[in-house]
């Protein structure tokens, strides 16, 4: 388990390692957070090749799938009160 997280850059390559970081590793599933949606899409497309590489480097069954997440969105909420919905949309005419 520790070898996946510690050897991440070596296993996936420098380009992917620069933009995508592993967050957790549970039940043979690695959760990866990417710094942009473009890199998240690219990593989803590369998943079969990466899983094959993990199998060769780490052994069969160590990593069975990748869960790819995009960047965390900022919260626009500023305070304790919340209004559901966006209200009427006839403000400008």
Protein backbone atom coordinates (compact mmCIF):
# COMPACT_ATOMS: atom_id res chain seq x y z
CA UNK A 1 0.00 0.00 0.00
CA UNK A 2 2.73 2.45 0.93
CA UNK A 3 4.65 1.68 -2.24
CA UNK A 4 1.82 2.99 -4.40
CA UNK A 5 1.72 6.35 -2.64
CA UNK A 6 5.47 6.72 -2.19
CA UNK A 7 6.37 5.60 -5.74
CA UNK A 8 3.53 7.51 -7.44
CA UNK A 9 5.78 9.75 -9.58
CA UNK A 10 7.89 6.79 -10.65
CA UNK A 11 4.85 4.66 -11.51
CA UNK A 12 2.83 7.23 -13.49
CA UNK A 13 5.57 9.46 -14.84
CA UNK A 14 6.70 13.00 -14.09
CA UNK A 15 4.02 14.80 -16.14
CA UNK A 16 1.09 13.02 -14.52
CA UNK A 17 2.74 13.16 -11.11
CA UNK A 18 3.03 16.93 -11.38
CA UNK A 19 -0.72 17.43 -11.94
CA UNK A 20 -2.35 14.42 -10.24
CA UNK A 21 -1.71 13.31 -6.65
CA UNK A 22 -3.00 10.22 -4.85
CA UNK A 23 -5.24 11.01 -1.87
CA UNK A 24 -6.05 7.58 -0.51
CA UNK A 25 -5.62 3.87 -1.12
CA UNK A 26 -8.33 1.55 0.24
CA UNK A 27 -9.48 -1.91 -0.90
CA UNK A 28 -7.21 -1.84 -3.97
CA UNK A 29 -8.75 1.47 -5.16
CA UNK A 30 -6.53 4.53 -5.47
CA UNK A 31 -8.31 7.89 -5.23
CA UNK A 32 -6.48 10.55 -7.23
CA UNK A 33 -7.07 14.33 -7.16
CA UNK A 34 -6.08 16.29 -10.28
CA UNK A 35 -5.40 20.01 -10.38
CA UNK A 36 -7.64 20.62 -13.41
CA UNK A 37 -10.57 18.99 -15.14
CA UNK A 38 -8.44 18.54 -18.26
CA UNK A 39 -5.94 16.42 -16.32
CA UNK A 40 -8.79 14.48 -14.68
CA UNK A 41 -10.16 13.62 -18.14
CA UNK A 42 -6.70 12.68 -19.37
CA UNK A 43 -6.14 10.42 -16.37
CA UNK A 44 -9.49 8.70 -16.95
CA UNK A 45 -8.40 7.97 -20.51
CA UNK A 46 -5.03 6.64 -19.32
CA UNK A 47 -6.51 4.46 -16.55
CA UNK A 48 -6.30 1.09 -18.42
CA UNK A 49 -2.63 1.66 -19.27
CA UNK A 50 -1.83 2.80 -15.72
CA UNK A 51 -3.57 -0.23 -14.18
CA UNK A 52 -1.53 -2.48 -16.44
CA UNK A 53 1.64 -0.69 -15.35
CA UNK A 54 0.68 -1.06 -11.68
CA UNK A 55 0.15 -4.78 -12.21
CA UNK A 56 3.59 -5.19 -13.79
CA UNK A 57 5.44 -3.03 -11.24
CA UNK A 58 3.58 -3.90 -8.02
CA UNK A 59 2.04 -7.30 -8.68
CA UNK A 60 -1.43 -8.52 -9.64
CA UNK A 61 -4.40 -7.36 -7.58
CA UNK A 62 -2.62 -4.59 -5.65
CA UNK A 63 -4.44 -1.80 -7.54
CA UNK A 64 -7.67 -2.79 -9.28
CA UNK A 65 -9.12 0.64 -10.11
CA UNK A 66 -8.49 4.37 -10.03
CA UNK A 67 -11.07 6.85 -8.76
CA UNK A 68 -10.30 10.17 -10.44
CA UNK A 69 -11.50 13.48 -8.98
CA UNK A 70 -11.15 16.96 -10.40
CA UNK A 71 -10.09 20.03 -8.49
CA UNK A 72 -12.01 20.93 -5.36
CA UNK A 73 -14.38 23.81 -6.09
CA UNK A 74 -14.23 26.86 -3.85
CA UNK A 75 -17.18 27.56 -1.61
CA UNK A 76 -19.01 30.80 -2.38
CA UNK A 77 -20.88 30.66 0.88
CA UNK A 78 -20.10 33.66 3.09
CA UNK A 79 -21.85 33.33 6.42
CA UNK A 80 -24.28 31.25 8.45
CA UNK A 81 -27.48 31.99 6.46
CA UNK A 82 -28.39 30.14 3.29
CA UNK A 83 -31.11 30.87 0.75
CA UNK A 84 -32.38 27.90 -1.23
CA UNK A 85 -32.82 28.58 -4.90
CA UNK A 86 -31.76 31.70 -6.69
CA UNK A 87 -34.99 33.67 -6.42
CA UNK A 88 -36.96 35.20 -9.29
CA UNK A 89 -35.05 35.66 -12.49
CA UNK A 90 -36.96 38.66 -13.82
CA UNK A 91 -34.61 41.25 -12.35
CA UNK A 92 -33.40 42.61 -15.69
CA UNK A 93 -36.62 42.97 -17.58
